Amino acid sequence: MLITSSIITGISMGAMYGLLALGYHITWSVSNTVNFSQGSSMMAGAVLGYTFAVVLGWPMFLAVPMAIALCGVLGLGVELFLVRPFVRKGSNGWLMATVAGGIVLDNLTLFTFGKEPRSFPSALAVEPIQIFGAGVYPLQLLIPAVGFAAALLIGLASRRTMLGRVTLAVAQRPEAARIMGIDTGKVIAGSFALSGMFAGLAGILIAPLFNVSAGMGVLFGIKAFAAAILGGITSAWGVMLAGLAYGLIESLTTALLGSTYTQIVSFSVIIAMLVVMPNGLLGRAAVNKV
């Protein structure tokens, strides 16, 4: 029963890591940049969802889309103010700028939302159901379903839609895309907006299983980035599978060895796997043209 419960918990947490990691995948695939405040965007989704649903008393069908939309706006702001100015100058300053932006957002939330963790009630995390003798919340089953659906949609959209082909053109030949009349700036900004929305969705999904707080996204963001690298950041399915693998390793380590060893074992396994597979699970080695 303990192992069954740990596996289900690991799949649920891993899918959440994968959902966050998809945000890294999207922006990297389009612009070769990532938002290192992704964890803070996740926190913003949870805090906004809590504020709309609990504090203001909005129904969930309004609170959730509004919180996700605002996280999309936050993603646009990150690209416009923390990434674009540095990219235009050929600088890698966006690396530190996005980290600093996350720290600023965390502290602004701390001052306005407060430091006390708060419970986010959900009908999907009240009555557990029995699966092979283990009690599982329906929300723990919903999170993997959402994560796999997101990876599937990204994969299909990138290959079979006009928007996907435009995005691929911007990623592979930005100068040629501009000559063809594609507004590359809007495509890149859109990728950051979508990345922020995925983070907000992950925050709202995981919030009922954890307390909502201003600092909740930091470690989640780090683990999701680890999953993105492990999966091969250029592959949507790769980062999702890596997220699941990380969640399972983490959960099983906690169950079998105790929480003291969780981070030691999980990150050690990631290092070892990257030594063996430096391009990640489904990533491809970069091709350097001479």
C-alpha atoms as a PDB file:
ATOM      1  CA  MET A   1       0.000   0.000   0.000  1.00  0.00           C
ATOM      2  CA  LEU A   2       2.853   2.394   0.835  1.00  0.00           C
ATOM      3  CA  ILE A   3       4.564   1.765  -2.491  1.00  0.00           C
ATOM      4  CA  THR A   4       1.289   2.138  -4.413  1.00  0.00           C
ATOM      5  CA  SER A   5       0.542   5.438  -2.700  1.00  0.00           C
ATOM      6  CA  SER A   6       4.100   6.640  -3.319  1.00  0.00           C
ATOM      7  CA  ILE A   7       3.913   5.764  -7.016  1.00  0.00           C
ATOM      8  CA  ILE A   8       0.630   7.637  -7.469  1.00  0.00           C
ATOM      9  CA  THR A   9       1.975  10.628  -5.541  1.00  0.00           C
ATOM     10  CA  GLY A  10       5.164  10.533  -7.607  1.00  0.00           C
ATOM     11  CA  ILE A  11       3.253  10.485 -10.885  1.00  0.00           C
ATOM     12  CA  SER A  12       1.116  13.413  -9.741  1.00  0.00           C
ATOM     13  CA  MET A  13       4.108  15.486  -8.603  1.00  0.00           C
ATOM     14  CA  GLY A  14       6.117  14.466 -11.640  1.00  0.00           C
ATOM     15  CA  ALA A  15       3.351  15.599 -13.993  1.00  0.00           C
ATOM     16  CA  MET A  16       3.333  18.956 -12.227  1.00  0.00           C
ATOM     17  CA  TYR A  17       7.118  19.237 -12.699  1.00  0.00           C
ATOM     18  CA  GLY A  18       6.612  18.285 -16.331  1.00  0.00           C
ATOM     19  CA  LEU A  19       3.926  20.929 -16.785  1.00  0.00           C
ATOM     20  CA  LEU A  20       6.281  23.568 -15.421  1.00  0.00           C
ATOM     21  CA  ALA A  21       9.133  22.173 -17.529  1.00  0.00           C
ATOM     22  CA  LEU A  22       6.997  22.549 -20.663  1.00  0.00           C
ATOM     23  CA  GLY A  23       7.204  26.284 -20.057  1.00  0.00           C
ATOM     24  CA  TYR A  24      10.992  26.100 -20.252  1.00  0.00           C
ATOM     25  CA  HIS A  25      10.704  23.937 -23.370  1.00  0.00           C
ATOM     26  CA  ILE A  26       8.408  26.386 -25.190  1.00  0.00           C
ATOM     27  CA  THR A  27      10.555  29.488 -24.756  1.00  0.00           C
ATOM     28  CA  TRP A  28      13.816  27.644 -25.416  1.00  0.00           C
ATOM     29  CA  SER A  29      12.470  26.065 -28.594  1.00  0.00           C
ATOM     30  CA  VAL A  30      11.386  29.452 -29.936  1.00  0.00           C
ATOM     31  CA  SER A  31      14.053  31.856 -28.698  1.00  0.00           C
ATOM     32  CA  ASN A  32      16.872  29.900 -27.000  1.00  0.00           C
ATOM     33  CA  THR A  33      16.009  31.695 -23.771  1.00  0.00           C
ATOM     34  CA  VAL A  34      14.146  30.584 -20.666  1.00  0.00           C
ATOM     35  CA  ASN A  35      12.340  32.280 -17.823  1.00  0.00           C
ATOM     36  CA  PHE A  36      14.176  31.444 -14.608  1.00  0.00           C
ATOM     37  CA  SER A  37      11.331  33.009 -12.651  1.00  0.00           C
ATOM     38  CA  GLN A  38       9.049  30.188 -13.809  1.00  0.00           C
ATOM     39  CA  GLY A  39       8.668  28.960 -10.236  1.00  0.00           C
ATOM     40  CA  SER A  40       7.539  32.427  -9.185  1.00  0.00           C
ATOM     41  CA  SER A  41       4.975  32.418 -11.997  1.00  0.00           C
ATOM     42  CA  MET A  42       3.673  29.147 -10.602  1.00  0.00           C
ATOM     43  CA  MET A  43       3.402  30.748  -7.173  1.00  0.00           C
ATOM     44  CA  ALA A  44       1.558  33.689  -8.726  1.00  0.00           C
ATOM     45  CA  GLY A  45      -0.993  31.317 -10.246  1.00  0.00           C
ATOM     46  CA  ALA A  46      -1.646  29.697  -6.863  1.00  0.00           C
ATOM     47  CA  VAL A  47      -1.863  33.039  -5.050  1.00  0.00           C
ATOM     48  CA  LEU A  48      -4.118  34.610  -7.677  1.00  0.00           C
ATOM     49  CA  GLY A  49      -6.339  31.537  -7.743  1.00  0.00           C
ATOM     50  CA  TYR A  50      -6.617  31.645  -3.949  1.00  0.00           C
ATOM     51  CA  THR A  51      -7.333  35.373  -3.967  1.00  0.00           C
ATOM     52  CA  PHE A  52     -10.081  35.137  -6.569  1.00  0.00           C
ATOM     53  CA  ALA A  53     -11.708  31.928  -5.307  1.00  0.00           C
ATOM     54  CA  VAL A  54     -11.309  32.192  -1.539  1.00  0.00           C
ATOM     55  CA  VAL A  55     -10.788  35.847  -0.677  1.00  0.00           C
ATOM     56  CA  LEU A  56     -13.134  37.368  -3.271  1.00  0.00           C
ATOM     57  CA  GLY A  57     -15.459  34.363  -3.407  1.00  0.00           C
ATOM     58  CA  TRP A  58     -15.505  33.993  -7.202  1.00  0.00           C
ATOM     59  CA  PRO A  59     -16.712  30.677  -8.620  1.00  0.00           C
ATOM     60  CA  MET A  60     -13.874  28.415  -9.754  1.00  0.00           C
ATOM     61  CA  PHE A  61     -14.901  28.599 -13.417  1.00  0.00           C
ATOM     62  CA  LEU A  62     -14.084  32.320 -13.282  1.00  0.00           C
ATOM     63  CA  ALA A  63     -11.230  32.326 -10.775  1.00  0.00           C
ATOM     64  CA  VAL A  64      -9.096  29.721 -12.550  1.00  0.00           C
ATOM     65  CA  PRO A  65      -9.171  31.212 -16.101  1.00  0.00           C
ATOM     66  CA  MET A  66      -8.552  34.708 -14.727  1.00  0.00           C
ATOM     67  CA  ALA A  67      -5.547  33.565 -12.688  1.00  0.00           C
ATOM     68  CA  ILE A  68      -4.095  31.682 -15.682  1.00  0.00           C
ATOM     69  CA  ALA A  69      -4.667  34.662 -17.989  1.00  0.00           C
ATOM     70  CA  LEU A  70      -2.876  37.010 -15.589  1.00  0.00           C
ATOM     71  CA  CYS A  71       0.051  34.593 -15.442  1.00  0.00           C
ATOM     72  CA  GLY A  72       0.138  34.849 -19.229  1.00  0.00           C
ATOM     73  CA  VAL A  73       0.336  38.629 -18.900  1.00  0.00           C
ATOM     74  CA  LEU A  74       3.142  38.150 -16.384  1.00  0.00           C
ATOM     75  CA  GLY A  75       4.974  36.018 -18.954  1.00  0.00           C
ATOM     76  CA  LEU A  76       4.613  38.809 -21.507  1.00  0.00           C
ATOM     77  CA  GLY A  77       6.092  41.248 -19.001  1.00  0.00           C
ATOM     78  CA  VAL A  78       9.053  38.968 -18.365  1.00  0.00           C
ATOM     79  CA  GLU A  79       9.828  38.764 -22.075  1.00  0.00           C
ATOM     80  CA  LEU A  80       9.339  42.490 -22.680  1.00  0.00           C
ATOM     81  CA  PHE A  81      11.292  43.859 -19.732  1.00  0.00           C
ATOM     82  CA  LEU A  82      13.655  41.103 -18.562  1.00  0.00           C
ATOM     83  CA  VAL A  83      14.587  39.228 -21.731  1.00  0.00           C
ATOM     84  CA  ARG A  84      14.124  41.303 -24.888  1.00  0.00           C
ATOM     85  CA  PRO A  85      16.377  44.265 -23.948  1.00  0.00           C
ATOM     86  CA  PHE A  86      19.323  41.940 -23.293  1.00  0.00           C
ATOM     87  CA  VAL A  87      18.748  39.712 -26.320  1.00  0.00           C
ATOM     88  CA  ARG A  88      18.713  42.768 -28.594  1.00  0.00           C
ATOM     89  CA  LYS A  89      22.146  43.718 -27.286  1.00  0.00           C
ATOM     90  CA  GLY A  90      23.476  40.193 -27.698  1.00  0.00           C
ATOM     91  CA  SER A  91      23.865  39.872 -23.936  1.00  0.00           C
ATOM     92  CA  ASN A  92      23.101  36.923 -21.676  1.00  0.00           C
ATOM     93  CA  GLY A  93      21.981  39.314 -18.971  1.00  0.00           C
ATOM     94  CA  TRP A  94      18.462  37.864 -19.240  1.00  0.00           C
ATOM     95  CA  LEU A  95      19.747  34.931 -17.185  1.00  0.00           C
ATOM     96  CA  MET A  96      20.223  37.084 -14.089  1.00  0.00           C
ATOM     97  CA  ALA A  97      17.366  39.426 -14.939  1.00  0.00           C
ATOM     98  CA  THR A  98      14.765  36.635 -14.875  1.00  0.00           C
ATOM     99  CA  VAL A  99      16.203  35.257 -11.630  1.00  0.00           C
ATOM    100  CA  ALA A 100      16.059  38.734 -10.089  1.00  0.00           C
ATOM    101  CA  GLY A 101      12.545  39.245 -11.434  1.00  0.00           C
ATOM    102  CA  GLY A 102      11.412  36.097  -9.655  1.00  0.00           C
ATOM    103  CA  ILE A 103      12.959  37.266  -6.388  1.00  0.00           C
ATOM    104  CA  VAL A 104      11.220  40.632  -6.717  1.00  0.00           C
ATOM    105  CA  LEU A 105       7.870  38.951  -7.416  1.00  0.00           C
ATOM    106  CA  ASP A 106       8.295  36.589  -4.456  1.00  0.00           C
ATOM    107  CA  ASN A 107       9.011  39.468  -2.097  1.00  0.00           C
ATOM    108  CA  LEU A 108       6.214  41.667  -3.427  1.00  0.00           C
ATOM    109  CA  THR A 109       3.841  38.748  -2.851  1.00  0.00           C
ATOM    110  CA  LEU A 110       5.287  38.266   0.636  1.00  0.00           C
ATOM    111  CA  PHE A 111       4.513  41.896   1.518  1.00  0.00           C
ATOM    112  CA  THR A 112       1.010  41.882   0.054  1.00  0.00           C
ATOM    113  CA  PHE A 113      -0.196  38.303   0.546  1.00  0.00           C
ATOM    114  CA  GLY A 114       1.597  37.685   3.832  1.00  0.00           C
ATOM    115  CA  LYS A 115       4.067  35.035   4.952  1.00  0.00           C
ATOM    116  CA  GLU A 116       1.579  32.625   6.505  1.00  0.00           C
ATOM    117  CA  PRO A 117       0.826  29.566   4.323  1.00  0.00           C
ATOM    118  CA  ARG A 118      -2.860  29.214   3.476  1.00  0.00           C
ATOM    119  CA  SER A 119      -4.984  26.241   2.554  1.00  0.00           C
ATOM    120  CA  PHE A 120      -6.634  26.241  -0.880  1.00  0.00           C
ATOM    121  CA  PRO A 121      -9.836  24.176  -0.602  1.00  0.00           C
ATOM    122  CA  SER A 122     -10.858  22.012  -3.555  1.00  0.00           C
ATOM    123  CA  ALA A 123     -13.649  19.495  -4.020  1.00  0.00           C
ATOM    124  CA  LEU A 124     -11.093  17.289  -5.807  1.00  0.00           C
ATOM    125  CA  ALA A 125      -8.866  17.089  -2.718  1.00  0.00           C
ATOM    126  CA  VAL A 126     -11.411  16.297   0.008  1.00  0.00           C
ATOM    127  CA  GLU A 127     -12.614  12.697  -0.377  1.00  0.00           C
ATOM    128  CA  PRO A 128      -9.941  10.184  -1.433  1.00  0.00           C
ATOM    129  CA  ILE A 129     -10.813   7.235  -3.617  1.00  0.00           C
ATOM    130  CA  GLN A 130      -9.328   3.762  -3.222  1.00  0.00           C
ATOM    131  CA  ILE A 131      -6.894   2.478  -5.863  1.00  0.00           C
ATOM    132  CA  PHE A 132      -5.245  -0.866  -5.058  1.00  0.00           C
ATOM    133  CA  GLY A 133      -5.867  -0.213  -1.380  1.00  0.00           C
ATOM    134  CA  ALA A 134      -4.322   3.278  -1.369  1.00  0.00           C
ATOM    135  CA  GLY A 135      -6.308   6.467  -0.805  1.00  0.00           C
ATOM    136  CA  VAL A 136      -5.888   8.866  -3.731  1.00  0.00           C
ATOM    137  CA  TYR A 137      -7.389  12.291  -4.228  1.00  0.00           C
ATOM    138  CA  PRO A 138      -9.057  12.803  -7.618  1.00  0.00           C
ATOM    139  CA  LEU A 139      -6.818  15.846  -8.083  1.00  0.00           C
ATOM    140  CA  GLN A 140      -3.787  13.545  -8.055  1.00  0.00           C
ATOM    141  CA  LEU A 141      -5.236  11.830 -11.120  1.00  0.00           C
ATOM    142  CA  LEU A 142      -6.241  15.074 -12.822  1.00  0.00           C
ATOM    143  CA  ILE A 143      -2.731  16.560 -12.746  1.00  0.00           C
ATOM    144  CA  PRO A 144      -1.124  13.790 -14.888  1.00  0.00           C
ATOM    145  CA  ALA A 145      -4.073  13.924 -17.293  1.00  0.00           C
ATOM    146  CA  VAL A 146      -3.580  17.686 -17.756  1.00  0.00           C
ATOM    147  CA  GLY A 147       0.192  17.296 -18.108  1.00  0.00           C
ATOM    148  CA  PHE A 148      -0.017  14.621 -20.798  1.00  0.00           C
ATOM    149  CA  ALA A 149      -2.727  16.537 -22.629  1.00  0.00           C
ATOM    150  CA  ALA A 150      -0.539  19.658 -22.644  1.00  0.00           C
ATOM    151  CA  ALA A 151       2.468  17.735 -24.007  1.00  0.00           C
ATOM    152  CA  LEU A 152       0.284  16.112 -26.669  1.00  0.00           C
ATOM    153  CA  LEU A 153      -1.207  19.442 -27.763  1.00  0.00           C
ATOM    154  CA  ILE A 154       2.210  21.089 -27.982  1.00  0.00           C
ATOM    155  CA  GLY A 155       3.567  18.211 -30.026  1.00  0.00           C
ATOM    156  CA  LEU A 156       0.623  18.207 -32.429  1.00  0.00           C
ATOM    157  CA  ALA A 157       0.504  21.996 -32.732  1.00  0.00           C
ATOM    158  CA  SER A 158       4.220  22.253 -33.498  1.00  0.00           C
ATOM    159  CA  ARG A 159       3.953  19.817 -36.419  1.00  0.00           C
ATOM    160  CA  ARG A 160       0.453  20.092 -37.814  1.00  0.00           C
ATOM    161  CA  THR A 161      -0.708  23.687 -37.486  1.00  0.00           C
ATOM    162  CA  MET A 162       0.219  26.908 -39.257  1.00  0.00           C
ATOM    163  CA  LEU A 163       1.107  28.492 -35.911  1.00  0.00           C
ATOM    164  CA  GLY A 164       3.439  25.579 -35.219  1.00  0.00           C
ATOM    165  CA  ARG A 165       5.164  25.998 -38.584  1.00  0.00           C
ATOM    166  CA  VAL A 166       5.522  29.736 -37.998  1.00  0.00           C
ATOM    167  CA  THR A 167       7.022  29.068 -34.574  1.00  0.00           C
ATOM    168  CA  LEU A 168       9.424  26.528 -36.076  1.00  0.00           C
ATOM    169  CA  ALA A 169      10.480  29.055 -38.714  1.00  0.00           C
ATOM    170  CA  VAL A 170      11.207  31.657 -36.029  1.00  0.00           C
ATOM    171  CA  ALA A 171      13.196  29.120 -34.006  1.00  0.00           C
ATOM    172  CA  GLN A 172      15.310  27.828 -36.911  1.00  0.00           C
ATOM    173  CA  ARG A 173      15.712  30.871 -39.170  1.00  0.00           C
ATOM    174  CA  PRO A 174      14.647  34.085 -37.404  1.00  0.00           C
ATOM    175  CA  GLU A 175      16.129  36.353 -40.079  1.00  0.00           C
ATOM    176  CA  ALA A 176      14.424  34.413 -42.882  1.00  0.00           C
ATOM    177  CA  ALA A 177      11.169  34.467 -40.917  1.00  0.00           C
ATOM    178  CA  ARG A 178      11.340  38.256 -40.662  1.00  0.00           C
ATOM    179  CA  ILE A 179      11.962  38.532 -44.391  1.00  0.00           C
ATOM    180  CA  MET A 180       8.831  36.412 -44.956  1.00  0.00           C
ATOM    181  CA  GLY A 181       6.820  38.942 -42.946  1.00  0.00           C
ATOM    182  CA  ILE A 182       6.573  37.005 -39.685  1.00  0.00           C
ATOM    183  CA  ASP A 183       6.611  39.214 -36.603  1.00  0.00           C
ATOM    184  CA  THR A 184       9.218  37.261 -34.664  1.00  0.00           C
ATOM    185  CA  GLY A 185       8.860  39.527 -31.633  1.00  0.00           C
ATOM    186  CA  LYS A 186       5.197  38.627 -31.242  1.00  0.00           C
ATOM    187  CA  VAL A 187       5.892  34.917 -31.650  1.00  0.00           C
ATOM    188  CA  ILE A 188       8.578  34.999 -28.953  1.00  0.00           C
ATOM    189  CA  ALA A 189       6.382  37.098 -26.650  1.00  0.00           C
ATOM    190  CA  GLY A 190       3.554  34.618 -27.203  1.00  0.00           C
ATOM    191  CA  SER A 191       5.817  31.750 -26.184  1.00  0.00           C
ATOM    192  CA  PHE A 192       6.578  33.489 -22.891  1.00  0.00           C
ATOM    193  CA  ALA A 193       2.883  34.155 -22.330  1.00  0.00           C
ATOM    194  CA  LEU A 194       2.101  30.473 -22.901  1.00  0.00           C
ATOM    195  CA  SER A 195       4.969  29.514 -20.611  1.00  0.00           C
ATOM    196  CA  GLY A 196       3.526  31.721 -17.863  1.00  0.00           C
ATOM    197  CA  MET A 197       0.082  30.217 -18.353  1.00  0.00           C
ATOM    198  CA  PHE A 198       1.461  26.689 -17.954  1.00  0.00           C
ATOM    199  CA  ALA A 199       3.169  27.798 -14.743  1.00  0.00           C
ATOM    200  CA  GLY A 200      -0.026  29.372 -13.436  1.00  0.00           C
ATOM    201  CA  LEU A 201      -2.001  26.240 -14.268  1.00  0.00           C
ATOM    202  CA  ALA A 202       0.565  24.091 -12.440  1.00  0.00           C
ATOM    203  CA  GLY A 203       0.300  26.358  -9.396  1.00  0.00           C
ATOM    204  CA  ILE A 204      -3.483  26.159  -9.298  1.00  0.00           C
ATOM    205  CA  LEU A 205      -3.461  22.373  -9.708  1.00  0.00           C
ATOM    206  CA  ILE A 206      -0.925  21.749  -6.964  1.00  0.00           C
ATOM    207  CA  ALA A 207      -2.192  24.413  -4.520  1.00  0.00           C
ATOM    208  CA  PRO A 208      -4.921  22.261  -2.893  1.00  0.00           C
ATOM    209  CA  LEU A 209      -2.323  19.562  -2.134  1.00  0.00           C
ATOM    210  CA  PHE A 210       0.112  22.061  -0.584  1.00  0.00           C
ATOM    211  CA  ASN A 211      -0.274  25.299   1.313  1.00  0.00           C
ATOM    212  CA  VAL A 212      -0.233  28.495  -0.746  1.00  0.00           C
ATOM    213  CA  SER A 213       2.643  30.782   0.187  1.00  0.00           C
ATOM    214  CA  ALA A 214       4.889  33.433  -1.342  1.00  0.00           C
ATOM    215  CA  GLY A 215       7.910  31.140  -1.408  1.00  0.00           C
ATOM    216  CA  MET A 216       6.257  27.969  -2.664  1.00  0.00           C
ATOM    217  CA  GLY A 217       7.530  28.210  -6.232  1.00  0.00           C
ATOM    218  CA  VAL A 218      11.295  28.426  -5.696  1.00  0.00           C
ATOM    219  CA  LEU A 219      12.094  24.737  -5.237  1.00  0.00           C
ATOM    220  CA  PHE A 220       9.397  23.686  -7.707  1.00  0.00           C
ATOM    221  CA  GLY A 221      10.978  25.895 -10.353  1.00  0.00           C
ATOM    222  CA  ILE A 222      14.439  24.414  -9.766  1.00  0.00           C
ATOM    223  CA  LYS A 223      13.130  20.851  -9.970  1.00  0.00           C
ATOM    224  CA  ALA A 224      11.164  21.633 -13.123  1.00  0.00           C
ATOM    225  CA  PHE A 225      14.268  23.083 -14.771  1.00  0.00           C
ATOM    226  CA  ALA A 226      16.154  19.931 -13.807  1.00  0.00           C
ATOM    227  CA  ALA A 227      13.390  17.923 -15.486  1.00  0.00           C
ATOM    228  CA  ALA A 228      13.602  20.138 -18.583  1.00  0.00           C
ATOM    229  CA  ILE A 229      17.355  19.524 -18.906  1.00  0.00           C
ATOM    230  CA  LEU A 230      17.031  15.821 -18.136  1.00  0.00           C
ATOM    231  CA  GLY A 231      14.306  15.378 -20.748  1.00  0.00           C
ATOM    232  CA  GLY A 232      16.181  17.243 -23.443  1.00  0.00           C
ATOM    233  CA  ILE A 233      14.728  20.733 -23.367  1.00  0.00           C
ATOM    234  CA  THR A 234      13.914  20.658 -27.088  1.00  0.00           C
ATOM    235  CA  SER A 235      11.404  17.807 -26.659  1.00  0.00           C
ATOM    236  CA  ALA A 236       7.957  18.322 -25.123  1.00  0.00           C
ATOM    237  CA  TRP A 237       7.534  14.593 -24.475  1.00  0.00           C
ATOM    238  CA  GLY A 238      11.065  14.398 -23.129  1.00  0.00           C
ATOM    239  CA  VAL A 239      10.543  17.029 -20.439  1.00  0.00           C
ATOM    240  CA  MET A 240       7.195  15.490 -19.456  1.00  0.00           C
ATOM    241  CA  LEU A 241       8.714  12.002 -19.128  1.00  0.00           C
ATOM    242  CA  ALA A 242      11.658  13.423 -17.193  1.00  0.00           C
ATOM    243  CA  GLY A 243       9.253  15.219 -14.866  1.00  0.00           C
ATOM    244  CA  LEU A 244       7.462  11.942 -14.191  1.00  0.00           C
ATOM    245  CA  ALA A 245      10.770  10.160 -13.594  1.00  0.00           C
ATOM    246  CA  TYR A 246      11.889  12.862 -11.174  1.00  0.00           C
ATOM    247  CA  GLY A 247       8.587  12.770  -9.287  1.00  0.00           C
ATOM    248  CA  LEU A 248       8.735   8.977  -8.948  1.00  0.00           C
ATOM    249  CA  ILE A 249      12.358   8.995  -7.758  1.00  0.00           C
ATOM    250  CA  GLU A 250      11.548  11.707  -5.251  1.00  0.00           C
ATOM    251  CA  SER A 251       8.413  10.024  -3.908  1.00  0.00           C
ATOM    252  CA  LEU A 252       9.905   6.518  -3.676  1.00  0.00           C
ATOM    253  CA  THR A 253      13.044   7.834  -1.987  1.00  0.00           C
ATOM    254  CA  THR A 254      10.922   9.593   0.627  1.00  0.00           C
ATOM    255  CA  ALA A 255       8.859   6.457   1.229  1.00  0.00           C
ATOM    256  CA  LEU A 256      11.769   4.012   1.421  1.00  0.00           C
ATOM    257  CA  LEU A 257      14.593   6.079   2.908  1.00  0.00           C
ATOM    258  CA  GLY A 258      12.920   9.104   4.489  1.00  0.00           C
ATOM    259  CA  SER A 259      12.642  12.756   3.519  1.00  0.00           C
ATOM    260  CA  THR A 260      16.203  13.453   4.721  1.00  0.00           C
ATOM    261  CA  TYR A 261      17.566  11.671   1.651  1.00  0.00           C
ATOM    262  CA  THR A 262      15.028  12.903  -0.908  1.00  0.00           C
ATOM    263  CA  GLN A 263      16.961  15.792  -2.429  1.00  0.00           C
ATOM    264  CA  ILE A 264      20.323  14.018  -2.122  1.00  0.00           C
ATOM    265  CA  VAL A 265      19.167  10.944  -4.023  1.00  0.00           C
ATOM    266  CA  SER A 266      16.968  12.678  -6.617  1.00  0.00           C
ATOM    267  CA  PHE A 267      19.540  15.257  -7.705  1.00  0.00           C
ATOM    268  CA  SER A 268      22.345  12.679  -7.615  1.00  0.00           C
ATOM    269  CA  VAL A 269      20.338  10.465  -9.961  1.00  0.00           C
ATOM    270  CA  ILE A 270      19.796  13.428 -12.312  1.00  0.00           C
ATOM    271  CA  ILE A 271      23.535  14.170 -12.390  1.00  0.00           C
ATOM    272  CA  ALA A 272      24.310  10.522 -13.120  1.00  0.00           C
ATOM    273  CA  MET A 273      21.709  10.330 -15.892  1.00  0.00           C
ATOM    274  CA  LEU A 274      23.033  13.493 -17.541  1.00  0.00           C
ATOM    275  CA  VAL A 275      26.553  12.069 -17.498  1.00  0.00           C
ATOM    276  CA  VAL A 276      25.266   9.031 -19.393  1.00  0.00           C
ATOM    277  CA  MET A 277      22.833  11.012 -21.603  1.00  0.00           C
ATOM    278  CA  PRO A 278      24.177  14.589 -21.884  1.00  0.00           C
ATOM    279  CA  ASN A 279      21.456  15.547 -24.385  1.00  0.00           C
ATOM    280  CA  GLY A 280      18.663  14.322 -22.129  1.00  0.00           C
ATOM    281  CA  LEU A 281      16.132  11.559 -22.621  1.00  0.00           C
ATOM    282  CA  LEU A 282      14.746  12.733 -25.966  1.00  0.00           C
ATOM    283  CA  GLY A 283      16.938  15.731 -26.729  1.00  0.00           C
ATOM    284  CA  ARG A 284      19.192  16.050 -29.739  1.00  0.00           C
ATOM    285  CA  ALA A 285      22.753  17.233 -29.940  1.00  0.00           C
ATOM    286  CA  ALA A 286      23.105  20.704 -31.394  1.00  0.00           C
ATOM    287  CA  VAL A 287      24.375  20.892 -34.972  1.00  0.00           C
ATOM    288  CA  ASN A 288      27.137  23.449 -35.428  1.00  0.00           C
ATOM    289  CA  LYS A 289      27.384  24.777 -38.975  1.00  0.00           C
ATOM    290  CA  VAL A 290      30.817  25.815 -40.176  1.00  0.00           C
END
